[in-house]
Amino acid sequence: MEQTKQDPVKIRFLLLGSLIYNIGISFIWPLTTIYMHQYLHQTLTVAAIVLLLYYGITLLGNAIGGAIFDKITPFKTILLGAIITSFCALAMFLIPSWPFYPIFLVIYGIGDGVVTTAINSIATTMKTHASSFFFNLLYMTRNLGLVIGSLLVGIITFLGPQAWFASAFTFFVVFTGLLLLFFRKLDQANLVQAAPTPIQRNFSSKKNFWTIISLVICMFFCWLAYEQWDSNLSVHMLNHGISTAEYSFCWTLNSALITISQPILTYFDSYLSKKISARLYIGFTLFASSFLILIGANNYSNYLLAMFILTCGEALAFPAVSAYVHAHAPKNQAGRYQGLVLAGTSAGRALAALFGAILLNHMTMPVLLLILASLIIISLINFILFNSLKQKDA
């Protein structure tokens, strides 16, 4: 009985694995456009199409990862993803040319989708704390890994792009070694099936299912809007006198706030877990309101304020989405539903740049921002309605 209360992976190894893996991915997908345009001499349109394919295949990886996590074993699932990402990083290093690079990148997307889904799903197997406790910390390590990785990219840039791929391969191999040493007990954890909770027994209810779907849709629209900061909004800011350094500082602020906020939220996790619906409502509302602030942005301080509010909303809502889905999904389908959450994220990221570009061909940036904020608010209202109906039936 006591053994079932032990974590299948020690928390320090789970967080270290997440940190190492996210440092590794910082050497690949954030640099795709730069590498393809400056080194492979492809047009920005071609780079955008490749990124669209990458995010689309990552969505497939999320689905595959969730399915085999539930039906085969957690350990083999995450190990498979780690092997695929390691192989692709090595292939990029050995054959850094067109058209092999986009082929390896797309295959890498499958492995990345499997690994990210598996890491989230592992949090659902932990016993010593509520799943939200682990999701908060994993969200922090993910962002911290991207910050450290970005700093390392700047340091080794003078060595050329092959140094990026060699670094990614190194971190992925270290990650794989960590899995082999400390993650094997995941299979044992998968054999212990707890008795279903009242929520899980009621999962056959269509209202319960559509509540999760409505939350995933909300995440999709959030990422559709969020990625505008990386694509169309960044160009808009530079065209209106904001320097590249000032734009970059917005992301520094974002990373710093997330790194600071997640340990604080984790400390109050016991209270916040009981108020998870309110946490989601407030977080998504803040997130949407940041785009309303951007509509009237006429100086740099407005952009900083918008990023501050967006990050507060992100820190509150995004980790809580995985915790909410875990609490309301069947135990034997935890991986599938964590994959569904990440698939919504991947789909939003995949379509964001293209969506924004198409709309900007026919309207102004303020109108685009208003549409994005409206989509988030409408999807949030939809989630609130489903969640309220489900709670009445519980």
Protein backbone atom coordinates (compact mmCIF):
# COMPACT_ATOMS: atom_id res chain seq x y z
CA MET A 1 0.00 0.00 0.00
CA GLU A 2 2.81 2.34 0.88
CA GLN A 3 4.57 1.64 -2.40
CA THR A 4 1.68 2.93 -4.45
CA LYS A 5 2.23 6.34 -2.82
CA GLN A 6 5.77 6.58 -4.13
CA ASP A 7 6.53 8.48 -7.32
CA PRO A 8 7.58 6.20 -10.21
CA VAL A 9 10.26 8.80 -11.01
CA LYS A 10 11.91 10.99 -8.41
CA ILE A 11 10.79 14.55 -8.90
CA ARG A 12 14.34 15.87 -9.29
CA PHE A 13 14.95 13.50 -12.22
CA LEU A 14 11.63 14.38 -13.89
CA LEU A 15 12.39 18.10 -13.65
CA LEU A 16 16.02 17.63 -14.68
CA GLY A 17 14.90 15.60 -17.68
CA SER A 18 12.42 18.29 -18.70
CA LEU A 19 15.10 20.97 -18.32
CA ILE A 20 17.72 19.06 -20.35
CA TYR A 21 15.28 18.19 -23.12
CA ASN A 22 14.03 21.77 -23.48
CA ILE A 23 17.58 23.10 -23.61
CA GLY A 24 18.14 20.66 -26.46
CA ILE A 25 15.11 21.73 -28.49
CA SER A 26 16.24 25.38 -28.24
CA PHE A 27 18.93 24.53 -30.80
CA ILE A 28 16.42 23.31 -33.40
CA TRP A 29 12.91 24.69 -33.94
CA PRO A 30 13.46 28.35 -32.86
CA LEU A 31 16.28 28.58 -35.42
CA THR A 32 14.52 26.88 -38.33
CA THR A 33 13.59 30.05 -40.23
CA ILE A 34 17.04 31.60 -39.75
CA TYR A 35 18.82 28.43 -40.85
CA MET A 36 16.67 27.81 -43.91
CA HIS A 37 16.78 31.44 -45.08
CA GLN A 38 20.39 32.38 -44.34
CA TYR A 39 22.21 29.08 -44.74
CA LEU A 40 20.07 26.98 -47.08
CA HIS A 41 19.02 30.06 -49.11
CA GLN A 42 15.32 29.24 -49.15
CA THR A 43 12.60 31.88 -49.23
CA LEU A 44 10.66 32.86 -46.12
CA THR A 45 7.57 31.31 -47.71
CA VAL A 46 9.30 27.95 -48.00
CA ALA A 47 10.50 28.24 -44.39
CA ALA A 48 6.94 28.99 -43.27
CA ILE A 49 5.63 25.93 -45.14
CA VAL A 50 8.28 23.72 -43.51
CA LEU A 51 7.36 25.07 -40.07
CA LEU A 52 3.71 24.40 -40.81
CA LEU A 53 4.58 20.80 -41.70
CA TYR A 54 6.73 20.51 -38.58
CA TYR A 55 3.98 21.69 -36.24
CA GLY A 56 1.43 19.56 -38.06
CA ILE A 57 3.54 16.42 -37.67
CA THR A 58 4.21 17.35 -34.03
CA LEU A 59 0.45 17.24 -33.54
CA LEU A 60 0.53 13.68 -34.92
CA GLY A 61 3.38 12.92 -32.51
CA ASN A 62 1.26 14.17 -29.62
CA ALA A 63 -1.52 11.78 -30.61
CA ILE A 64 0.85 8.83 -31.09
CA GLY A 65 2.60 9.55 -27.80
CA GLY A 66 -0.64 9.69 -25.87
CA ALA A 67 -1.95 6.47 -27.41
CA ILE A 68 1.14 4.33 -26.84
CA PHE A 69 1.67 5.81 -23.35
CA ASP A 70 -1.69 4.34 -22.36
CA LYS A 71 -1.62 1.12 -24.39
CA ILE A 72 2.03 0.02 -24.27
CA THR A 73 4.27 1.42 -21.50
CA PRO A 74 5.25 4.93 -20.39
CA PHE A 75 8.97 4.11 -20.33
CA LYS A 76 9.07 2.73 -23.87
CA THR A 77 7.01 5.69 -25.08
CA ILE A 78 9.34 8.42 -23.84
CA LEU A 79 12.42 6.38 -24.78
CA LEU A 80 11.10 6.01 -28.34
CA GLY A 81 10.60 9.78 -28.61
CA ALA A 82 14.10 10.45 -27.22
CA ILE A 83 15.69 8.05 -29.73
CA ILE A 84 13.87 9.70 -32.65
CA THR A 85 14.90 13.23 -31.61
CA SER A 86 18.51 12.13 -31.01
CA PHE A 87 18.69 10.43 -34.41
CA CYS A 88 17.27 13.47 -36.21
CA ALA A 89 19.62 15.91 -34.47
CA LEU A 90 22.57 13.71 -35.46
CA ALA A 91 21.29 13.47 -39.04
CA MET A 92 20.97 17.28 -39.22
CA PHE A 93 24.58 17.55 -38.07
CA LEU A 94 25.89 15.01 -40.57
CA ILE A 95 23.77 16.13 -43.57
CA PRO A 96 22.98 19.86 -43.06
CA SER A 97 21.70 20.45 -46.57
CA TRP A 98 18.56 20.85 -48.64
CA PRO A 99 16.24 18.94 -48.94
CA PHE A 100 17.39 16.63 -46.15
CA TYR A 101 17.10 19.21 -43.37
CA PRO A 102 13.30 19.69 -43.64
CA ILE A 103 12.85 15.89 -43.91
CA PHE A 104 14.78 15.36 -40.68
CA LEU A 105 12.92 18.27 -39.05
CA VAL A 106 9.54 16.75 -39.85
CA ILE A 107 10.60 13.34 -38.51
CA TYR A 108 11.98 15.13 -35.45
CA GLY A 109 8.51 16.62 -34.96
CA ILE A 110 7.09 13.13 -34.36
CA GLY A 111 9.69 12.42 -31.68
CA ASP A 112 9.21 15.83 -30.09
CA GLY A 113 5.44 15.30 -29.94
CA VAL A 114 5.93 11.90 -28.32
CA VAL A 115 8.40 13.20 -25.71
CA THR A 116 6.41 16.28 -24.68
CA THR A 117 3.21 14.25 -24.35
CA ALA A 118 5.02 11.57 -22.35
CA ILE A 119 6.54 14.12 -19.95
CA ASN A 120 3.12 15.63 -19.28
CA SER A 121 1.59 12.17 -18.93
CA ILE A 122 4.27 11.10 -16.45
CA ALA A 123 3.06 13.91 -14.18
CA THR A 124 -0.29 12.10 -14.02
CA THR A 125 1.42 8.98 -12.60
CA MET A 126 3.10 10.81 -9.72
CA LYS A 127 1.70 10.02 -6.28
CA THR A 128 3.27 12.30 -3.66
CA HIS A 129 1.52 15.51 -4.76
CA ALA A 130 -1.45 16.56 -6.84
CA SER A 131 -0.79 16.54 -10.59
CA SER A 132 -1.10 20.35 -10.70
CA PHE A 133 1.97 20.57 -8.42
CA PHE A 134 4.06 18.76 -11.05
CA PHE A 135 2.52 20.60 -14.01
CA ASN A 136 3.48 23.95 -12.44
CA LEU A 137 7.09 22.84 -11.99
CA LEU A 138 7.28 21.27 -15.45
CA TYR A 139 6.01 24.50 -16.99
CA MET A 140 8.79 26.35 -15.18
CA THR A 141 11.53 23.93 -16.30
CA ARG A 142 10.27 24.07 -19.87
CA ASN A 143 10.60 27.85 -19.99
CA LEU A 144 13.85 27.85 -18.04
CA GLY A 145 15.27 25.31 -20.50
CA LEU A 146 14.33 27.52 -23.45
CA VAL A 147 15.98 30.54 -21.79
CA ILE A 148 19.21 28.64 -21.06
CA GLY A 149 19.17 27.15 -24.54
CA SER A 150 18.72 30.56 -26.16
CA LEU A 151 21.68 31.91 -24.18
CA LEU A 152 23.83 28.96 -25.26
CA VAL A 153 22.82 29.49 -28.90
CA GLY A 154 24.12 33.06 -28.67
CA ILE A 155 27.42 31.85 -27.23
CA ILE A 156 28.13 29.20 -29.89
CA THR A 157 26.68 31.00 -32.93
CA PHE A 158 30.17 31.94 -34.17
CA LEU A 159 30.90 28.22 -34.63
CA GLY A 160 28.20 27.93 -37.29
CA PRO A 161 24.86 26.10 -37.51
CA GLN A 162 26.36 22.63 -37.28
CA ALA A 163 27.28 23.50 -33.70
CA TRP A 164 23.55 23.96 -33.02
CA PHE A 165 22.76 20.45 -34.18
CA ALA A 166 25.73 18.94 -32.35
CA SER A 167 24.59 20.66 -29.15
CA ALA A 168 21.01 19.45 -29.61
CA PHE A 169 22.26 15.90 -30.17
CA THR A 170 24.41 16.12 -27.03
CA PHE A 171 21.53 17.24 -24.83
CA PHE A 172 19.18 14.62 -26.31
CA VAL A 173 21.73 11.86 -25.65
CA VAL A 174 22.12 13.05 -22.05
CA PHE A 175 18.32 13.06 -21.76
CA THR A 176 18.17 9.50 -23.15
CA GLY A 177 20.80 8.39 -20.64
CA LEU A 178 18.79 9.93 -17.83
CA LEU A 179 15.74 7.96 -18.98
CA LEU A 180 17.65 4.68 -19.04
CA LEU A 181 19.00 5.24 -15.54
CA PHE A 182 16.05 6.67 -13.64
CA PHE A 183 12.76 6.22 -15.54
CA ARG A 184 12.43 2.42 -15.75
CA LYS A 185 9.93 2.22 -12.86
CA LEU A 186 7.36 4.00 -15.01
CA ASP A 187 6.26 0.62 -16.34
CA GLN A 188 5.56 -0.62 -12.81
CA ALA A 189 3.49 2.50 -12.11
CA ASN A 190 1.39 1.80 -15.17
CA LEU A 191 0.41 -1.61 -13.78
CA VAL A 192 -1.16 -0.07 -10.67
CA GLN A 193 -4.62 1.15 -11.59
CA ALA A 194 -6.39 3.11 -8.93
CA ALA A 195 -10.13 2.81 -8.42
CA PRO A 196 -11.99 5.27 -10.61
CA THR A 197 -13.12 8.47 -8.97
CA PRO A 198 -16.72 9.70 -9.27
CA ILE A 199 -15.52 12.08 -11.99
CA GLN A 200 -13.98 9.23 -13.97
CA ARG A 201 -17.04 7.00 -13.61
CA ASN A 202 -19.13 9.82 -15.02
CA PHE A 203 -16.82 10.34 -17.97
CA SER A 204 -19.19 8.65 -20.36
CA SER A 205 -21.33 11.76 -20.04
CA LYS A 206 -21.16 13.80 -23.24
CA LYS A 207 -21.12 16.99 -21.19
CA ASN A 208 -17.97 15.87 -19.41
CA PHE A 209 -16.24 15.00 -22.68
CA TRP A 210 -17.19 18.25 -24.40
CA THR A 211 -15.99 20.26 -21.42
CA ILE A 212 -12.47 18.98 -22.08
CA ILE A 213 -12.85 19.59 -25.81
CA SER A 214 -14.00 23.17 -25.17
CA LEU A 215 -10.94 23.73 -22.97
CA VAL A 216 -8.62 22.39 -25.70
CA ILE A 217 -10.29 24.73 -28.20
CA CYS A 218 -9.63 27.62 -25.83
CA MET A 219 -5.95 26.63 -25.72
CA PHE A 220 -5.91 26.44 -29.53
CA PHE A 221 -7.09 30.05 -29.85
CA CYS A 222 -4.70 31.20 -27.13
CA TRP A 223 -1.74 29.81 -29.07
CA LEU A 224 -3.13 31.15 -32.34
CA ALA A 225 -2.89 34.57 -30.69
CA TYR A 226 0.30 33.94 -28.71
CA GLU A 227 2.36 33.04 -31.77
CA GLN A 228 1.57 36.43 -33.32
CA TRP A 229 4.21 37.83 -30.94
CA ASP A 230 6.78 35.66 -32.76
CA SER A 231 5.55 36.40 -36.26
CA ASN A 232 3.31 39.23 -37.44
CA LEU A 233 3.29 41.31 -34.26
CA SER A 234 7.09 41.33 -34.07
CA VAL A 235 7.28 42.83 -37.58
CA HIS A 236 4.54 45.32 -36.67
CA MET A 237 6.51 46.47 -33.60
CA LEU A 238 9.75 46.91 -35.54
CA ASN A 239 7.91 48.88 -38.22
CA HIS A 240 6.62 51.25 -35.53
CA GLY A 241 9.97 52.18 -34.08
CA ILE A 242 10.46 49.44 -31.50
CA SER A 243 14.07 48.20 -31.63
CA THR A 244 15.05 44.56 -31.85
CA ALA A 245 16.60 44.81 -28.37
CA GLU A 246 13.37 46.24 -26.94
CA TYR A 247 11.33 43.51 -28.62
CA SER A 248 13.67 40.84 -27.22
CA PHE A 249 13.30 42.29 -23.73
CA CYS A 250 9.57 41.54 -23.91
CA TRP A 251 10.48 37.86 -24.07
CA THR A 252 13.04 38.29 -21.29
CA LEU A 253 10.24 39.71 -19.15
CA ASN A 254 8.00 36.79 -20.13
CA SER A 255 10.59 34.18 -19.17
CA ALA A 256 11.53 35.91 -15.92
CA LEU A 257 7.90 36.19 -14.77
CA ILE A 258 7.20 32.52 -15.54
CA THR A 259 10.37 31.38 -13.76
CA ILE A 260 9.45 33.44 -10.68
CA SER A 261 5.72 32.74 -10.65
CA GLN A 262 5.65 28.96 -11.00
CA PRO A 263 7.40 28.17 -7.68
CA ILE A 264 5.01 30.61 -5.97
CA LEU A 265 1.97 28.99 -7.58
CA THR A 266 3.36 25.58 -6.65
CA TYR A 267 3.67 26.66 -3.02
CA PHE A 268 -0.06 27.50 -2.99
CA ASP A 269 -0.96 24.47 -5.10
CA SER A 270 -3.17 22.86 -2.46
CA TYR A 271 -5.43 25.93 -2.39
CA LEU A 272 -5.29 26.56 -6.15
CA SER A 273 -6.18 22.93 -6.93
CA LYS A 274 -9.50 23.43 -5.17
CA LYS A 275 -10.11 26.59 -7.21
CA ILE A 276 -8.85 25.27 -10.54
CA SER A 277 -11.88 26.45 -12.53
CA ALA A 278 -11.52 29.99 -11.17
CA ARG A 279 -7.79 29.86 -11.93
CA LEU A 280 -8.55 28.97 -15.55
CA TYR A 281 -11.22 31.66 -15.89
CA ILE A 282 -8.97 34.40 -14.50
CA GLY A 283 -5.92 33.23 -16.44
CA PHE A 284 -7.64 33.10 -19.82
CA THR A 285 -9.37 36.45 -19.19
CA LEU A 286 -6.02 38.11 -18.46
CA PHE A 287 -4.51 36.45 -21.52
CA ALA A 288 -7.27 37.75 -23.80
CA SER A 289 -7.21 41.25 -22.27
CA SER A 290 -3.50 41.60 -23.13
CA PHE A 291 -4.43 41.65 -26.82
CA LEU A 292 -7.05 44.32 -26.19
CA ILE A 293 -4.28 46.46 -24.67
CA LEU A 294 -2.18 45.92 -27.79
CA ILE A 295 -4.96 47.36 -29.97
CA GLY A 296 -4.25 50.85 -28.66
CA ALA A 297 -0.51 50.41 -28.09
CA ASN A 298 1.27 53.60 -29.17
CA ASN A 299 4.50 53.37 -27.17
CA TYR A 300 6.88 50.76 -25.81
CA SER A 301 5.42 50.80 -22.29
CA ASN A 302 2.09 49.58 -23.71
CA TYR A 303 3.81 46.54 -25.21
CA LEU A 304 5.55 45.80 -21.92
CA LEU A 305 2.25 46.09 -20.06
CA ALA A 306 0.56 43.77 -22.56
CA MET A 307 3.35 41.19 -22.21
CA PHE A 308 3.18 41.45 -18.41
CA ILE A 309 -0.58 40.77 -18.36
CA LEU A 310 -0.28 38.04 -21.01
CA THR A 311 2.39 36.27 -18.94
CA CYS A 312 0.32 36.50 -15.76
CA GLY A 313 -2.57 34.89 -17.61
CA GLU A 314 -0.29 32.26 -19.15
CA ALA A 315 1.29 31.36 -15.80
CA LEU A 316 -2.14 30.94 -14.19
CA ALA A 317 -3.98 29.11 -16.96
CA PHE A 318 -1.60 27.04 -19.09
CA PRO A 319 -0.24 24.63 -16.43
CA ALA A 320 -3.74 24.36 -14.94
CA VAL A 321 -5.15 23.08 -18.25
CA SER A 322 -3.16 19.84 -18.01
CA ALA A 323 -4.12 19.46 -14.34
CA TYR A 324 -7.82 20.02 -15.11
CA VAL A 325 -7.79 17.49 -17.97
CA HIS A 326 -6.04 14.91 -15.79
CA ALA A 327 -8.63 15.35 -13.04
CA HIS A 328 -11.53 14.85 -15.46
CA ALA A 329 -10.20 12.20 -17.87
CA PRO A 330 -10.34 8.42 -17.37
CA LYS A 331 -7.26 7.10 -15.60
CA ASN A 332 -6.56 4.53 -18.30
CA GLN A 333 -6.56 7.29 -20.96
CA ALA A 334 -4.34 9.87 -19.22
CA GLY A 335 -1.78 9.88 -22.03
CA ARG A 336 -4.41 10.25 -24.74
CA TYR A 337 -5.93 13.33 -23.14
CA GLN A 338 -2.59 14.96 -22.32
CA GLY A 339 -1.77 14.41 -25.99
CA LEU A 340 -5.03 16.11 -26.90
CA VAL A 341 -4.07 19.21 -24.89
CA LEU A 342 -0.68 19.39 -26.60
CA ALA A 343 -2.29 18.74 -29.98
CA GLY A 344 -4.44 21.84 -29.48
CA THR A 345 -1.28 23.79 -28.69
CA SER A 346 0.57 22.42 -31.73
CA ALA A 347 -2.37 23.17 -34.04
CA GLY A 348 -2.57 26.77 -32.82
CA ARG A 349 1.16 27.26 -33.31
CA ALA A 350 1.07 25.64 -36.75
CA LEU A 351 -1.65 27.90 -38.13
CA ALA A 352 -0.81 31.15 -36.31
CA ALA A 353 1.60 32.83 -38.73
CA LEU A 354 -0.44 31.88 -41.81
CA PHE A 355 -3.72 32.88 -40.13
CA GLY A 356 -2.34 36.27 -39.14
CA ALA A 357 -0.73 36.91 -42.53
CA ILE A 358 -3.94 36.12 -44.44
CA LEU A 359 -6.03 38.42 -42.25
CA LEU A 360 -3.45 41.23 -42.42
CA ASN A 361 -3.74 41.18 -46.21
CA HIS A 362 -7.32 42.40 -45.80
CA MET A 363 -7.32 44.35 -42.51
CA THR A 364 -5.17 46.25 -40.02
CA MET A 365 -3.25 44.91 -37.04
CA PRO A 366 -5.73 46.36 -34.48
CA VAL A 367 -8.58 44.49 -36.19
CA LEU A 368 -6.57 41.25 -36.15
CA LEU A 369 -5.84 41.70 -32.44
CA LEU A 370 -9.54 42.35 -31.74
CA ILE A 371 -10.50 39.18 -33.62
CA LEU A 372 -7.95 37.12 -31.69
CA ALA A 373 -9.09 38.48 -28.32
CA SER A 374 -12.71 37.83 -29.29
CA LEU A 375 -11.98 34.23 -30.29
CA ILE A 376 -10.33 33.56 -26.92
CA ILE A 377 -13.19 35.19 -24.99
CA ILE A 378 -15.87 33.31 -26.96
CA SER A 379 -14.09 29.98 -26.48
CA LEU A 380 -13.66 30.77 -22.76
CA ILE A 381 -17.39 31.49 -22.41
CA ASN A 382 -18.06 28.18 -24.16
CA PHE A 383 -15.81 26.37 -21.67
CA ILE A 384 -17.44 28.14 -18.70
CA LEU A 385 -20.88 27.04 -19.88
CA PHE A 386 -19.86 23.40 -20.36
CA ASN A 387 -18.01 23.37 -17.04
CA SER A 388 -21.00 24.85 -15.21
CA LEU A 389 -23.39 22.28 -16.71
CA LYS A 390 -21.01 19.45 -15.81
CA GLN A 391 -20.72 20.63 -12.20
CA LYS A 392 -24.51 20.74 -11.87
CA ASP A 393 -24.71 17.12 -13.05
CA ALA A 394 -21.89 15.93 -10.77
